């Protein structure tokens, strides 16, 4: 089983969902880990993870999407 690496973190659930959708569209497995505090939403992040062997491809896709 491959190791998963964090490639993105945000406090915005919609932004995390968009990143997840972008990666899935490009057939990159993705896992979301919500580390936000349920009582105080200004603490913690929503983290996006991909398999370690796909991290470079995933980061390049995100960089291209953020530049457009």
Protein backbone atom coordinates (compact mmCIF):
# COMPACT_ATOMS: atom_id res chain seq x y z
CA UNK A 1 0.00 0.00 0.00
CA UNK A 2 1.35 3.41 -0.93
CA UNK A 3 1.98 6.19 1.53
CA UNK A 4 -0.29 9.25 1.35
CA UNK A 5 1.12 12.78 1.41
CA UNK A 6 -0.57 16.07 2.15
CA UNK A 7 -0.47 18.36 -0.88
CA UNK A 8 -2.99 21.03 0.10
CA UNK A 9 -4.64 22.52 3.18
CA UNK A 10 -7.45 25.04 3.53
CA UNK A 11 -10.07 26.23 5.99
CA UNK A 12 -12.72 26.46 3.29
CA UNK A 13 -14.75 23.24 2.77
CA UNK A 14 -15.84 24.33 -0.72
CA UNK A 15 -12.23 24.91 -1.77
CA UNK A 16 -11.22 21.45 -0.51
CA UNK A 17 -14.09 19.94 -2.49
CA UNK A 18 -13.01 21.74 -5.67
CA UNK A 19 -9.43 20.48 -5.26
CA UNK A 20 -10.74 16.96 -4.64
CA UNK A 21 -12.87 17.15 -7.80
CA UNK A 22 -9.97 18.42 -9.91
CA UNK A 23 -7.75 15.56 -8.79
CA UNK A 24 -10.45 12.92 -9.31
CA UNK A 25 -11.17 14.27 -12.81
CA UNK A 26 -7.55 13.52 -13.60
CA UNK A 27 -7.80 10.01 -12.12
CA UNK A 28 -5.67 10.77 -9.06
CA UNK A 29 -6.90 9.05 -5.88
CA UNK A 30 -7.55 11.60 -3.17
CA UNK A 31 -8.44 11.55 0.52
CA UNK A 32 -9.76 14.47 2.55
CA UNK A 33 -9.00 14.77 6.26
CA UNK A 34 -11.06 17.36 8.10
CA UNK A 35 -9.09 18.53 11.12
CA UNK A 36 -11.28 21.56 11.80
CA UNK A 37 -12.60 21.97 15.31
CA UNK A 38 -16.34 21.32 15.27
CA UNK A 39 -17.08 24.05 17.82
CA UNK A 40 -14.66 26.76 16.69
CA UNK A 41 -14.30 26.72 12.91
CA UNK A 42 -11.30 29.03 12.92
CA UNK A 43 -9.10 26.25 14.37
CA UNK A 44 -7.66 23.52 12.19
CA UNK A 45 -7.56 22.78 8.47
CA UNK A 46 -9.07 20.52 5.87
CA UNK A 47 -6.17 18.58 4.36
CA UNK A 48 -5.98 16.95 0.92
CA UNK A 49 -3.85 13.80 0.55
CA UNK A 50 -2.70 11.86 -2.52
CA UNK A 51 -0.54 8.72 -2.92
CA UNK A 52 3.13 9.62 -2.64
CA UNK A 53 3.99 8.38 -6.14
CA UNK A 54 1.46 10.84 -7.64
CA UNK A 55 2.38 13.91 -5.57
CA UNK A 56 4.31 15.67 -8.34
CA UNK A 57 1.51 15.21 -10.88
CA UNK A 58 -1.09 16.38 -8.36
CA UNK A 59 0.90 19.46 -7.38
CA UNK A 60 1.43 20.39 -11.03
CA UNK A 61 -2.32 20.13 -11.69
CA UNK A 62 -3.06 22.34 -8.70
CA UNK A 63 -0.45 24.88 -9.74
CA UNK A 64 -1.91 25.07 -13.25
CA UNK A 65 -5.45 25.42 -11.90
CA UNK A 66 -4.46 28.16 -9.46
CA UNK A 67 -2.65 30.16 -12.15
CA UNK A 68 -5.71 30.21 -14.44
